[in-house]
Each structure stands twice: as C-alpha cells, then as structure tokens.
Amino acid sequence: MERTSVDGVQKNIQEILARSPKTRIILHGIFPRGEKPSPEREAITAINRQIAGFAEDKRVSSSISATSSSSPTVRSALR
C-alpha cells in the first residue's frame, strides 16, 4: 500500500506541474487511524514522511511534519 500511495501522489504532482508550471501545490498528510500504535498507523506515518519529501520542489509545500510519529503537524505552507 505504501509505495502505491506515494507513487500515485508523485505522479499527480508531476502531471499537475507539467500542465500548469506556475501552480503551487500544498500537500496534506493522511490522518492516523485508531487510538493505539498499530501496523496501520506505522504505514500511514511512513507514507506521510515520503510525501513530505516532495516539498523539496519550490512549487510544492507540505503541511506534514516529516518527523511526526503519530499525526500530521501543521506548519506554514508559505515560504
């Protein structure tokens, strides 16, 4: 599930920027499921970390904290 989700997000970003190079994209993370640590929560955290890495492009911002272990942390998307 992880790689498929991350690949899909990356392909969407590439397609949007190819069609509209001046567009700014703001990425939001997947919210965790369940109350306690679980394999599903770990998978979501891993996906969010990888998605946050796409913000290295100046046209892509992320509201995801790459170091968050449980839920997405909102931070400024404006640079």
Protein backbone atom coordinates (compact mmCIF):
# COMPACT_ATOMS: atom_id res chain seq x y z
CA MET A 1 0.00 0.00 0.00
CA GLU A 2 2.76 2.46 0.93
CA ARG A 3 4.62 2.52 -2.36
CA THR A 4 1.43 2.62 -4.42
CA SER A 5 0.09 5.60 -2.45
CA VAL A 6 3.36 7.51 -2.62
CA ASP A 7 3.83 6.77 -6.33
CA GLY A 8 0.29 7.98 -7.03
CA VAL A 9 0.86 11.26 -5.21
CA GLN A 10 4.16 11.78 -7.03
CA LYS A 11 2.58 11.11 -10.45
CA ASN A 12 -0.25 13.53 -9.69
CA ILE A 13 2.24 16.24 -8.69
CA GLN A 14 4.26 15.69 -11.87
CA GLU A 15 1.14 15.82 -14.05
CA ILE A 16 -0.20 18.99 -12.41
CA LEU A 17 3.15 20.78 -12.71
CA ALA A 18 3.60 19.65 -16.32
CA ARG A 19 0.20 21.05 -17.28
CA SER A 20 0.46 24.17 -15.14
CA PRO A 21 4.08 25.02 -14.25
CA LYS A 22 3.17 28.10 -12.19
CA THR A 23 0.80 26.18 -9.93
CA ARG A 24 1.65 25.89 -6.23
CA ILE A 25 0.71 22.60 -4.59
CA ILE A 26 0.08 22.17 -0.86
CA LEU A 27 0.26 18.59 0.38
CA HIS A 28 -1.61 17.38 3.45
CA GLY A 29 -0.93 14.13 5.27
CA ILE A 30 -3.11 11.14 5.88
CA PHE A 31 -4.60 11.23 9.37
CA PRO A 32 -3.81 8.22 11.55
CA ARG A 33 -6.42 5.57 12.27
CA GLY A 34 -7.10 4.01 15.67
CA GLU A 35 -6.09 5.08 19.15
CA LYS A 36 -3.01 2.98 19.77
CA PRO A 37 0.15 2.23 17.81
CA SER A 38 -0.54 -0.36 15.13
CA PRO A 39 0.88 -1.54 11.82
CA GLU A 40 -1.69 0.64 10.03
CA ARG A 41 -0.56 3.76 11.92
CA GLU A 42 3.08 2.94 11.17
CA ALA A 43 2.27 2.60 7.46
CA ILE A 44 0.47 5.95 7.45
CA THR A 45 3.41 7.61 9.21
CA ALA A 46 5.80 6.15 6.60
CA ILE A 47 3.61 7.39 3.74
CA ASN A 48 3.42 10.88 5.28
CA ARG A 49 7.20 11.05 5.64
CA GLN A 50 7.69 10.16 1.99
CA ILE A 51 5.01 12.59 0.81
CA ALA A 52 6.56 15.40 2.89
CA GLY A 53 9.77 14.85 0.91
CA PHE A 54 8.06 16.07 -2.28
CA ALA A 55 8.12 19.60 -0.84
CA GLU A 56 11.77 19.90 -1.89
CA ASP A 57 10.42 21.37 -5.14
CA LYS A 58 9.81 25.14 -4.70
CA ARG A 59 6.33 24.76 -6.20
CA VAL A 60 5.30 22.12 -3.66
CA SER A 61 4.66 22.87 0.01
CA SER A 62 3.77 20.44 2.73
CA SER A 63 1.78 20.78 5.92
CA ILE A 64 3.24 17.45 7.03
CA SER A 65 5.95 17.23 9.63
CA ALA A 66 8.38 14.61 8.35
CA THR A 67 9.35 13.78 11.92
CA SER A 68 5.82 13.26 13.22
CA SER A 69 5.29 9.78 14.60
CA SER A 70 1.55 9.89 15.06
CA SER A 71 -0.34 12.61 13.24
CA PRO A 72 0.37 15.30 10.67
CA THR A 73 1.60 18.52 12.23
CA VAL A 74 0.52 21.68 10.51
CA ARG A 75 3.23 24.16 9.68
CA SER A 76 3.31 27.14 7.39
CA ALA A 77 2.96 26.24 3.74
CA LEU A 78 4.01 29.70 2.63
CA ARG A 79 7.68 30.34 2.06
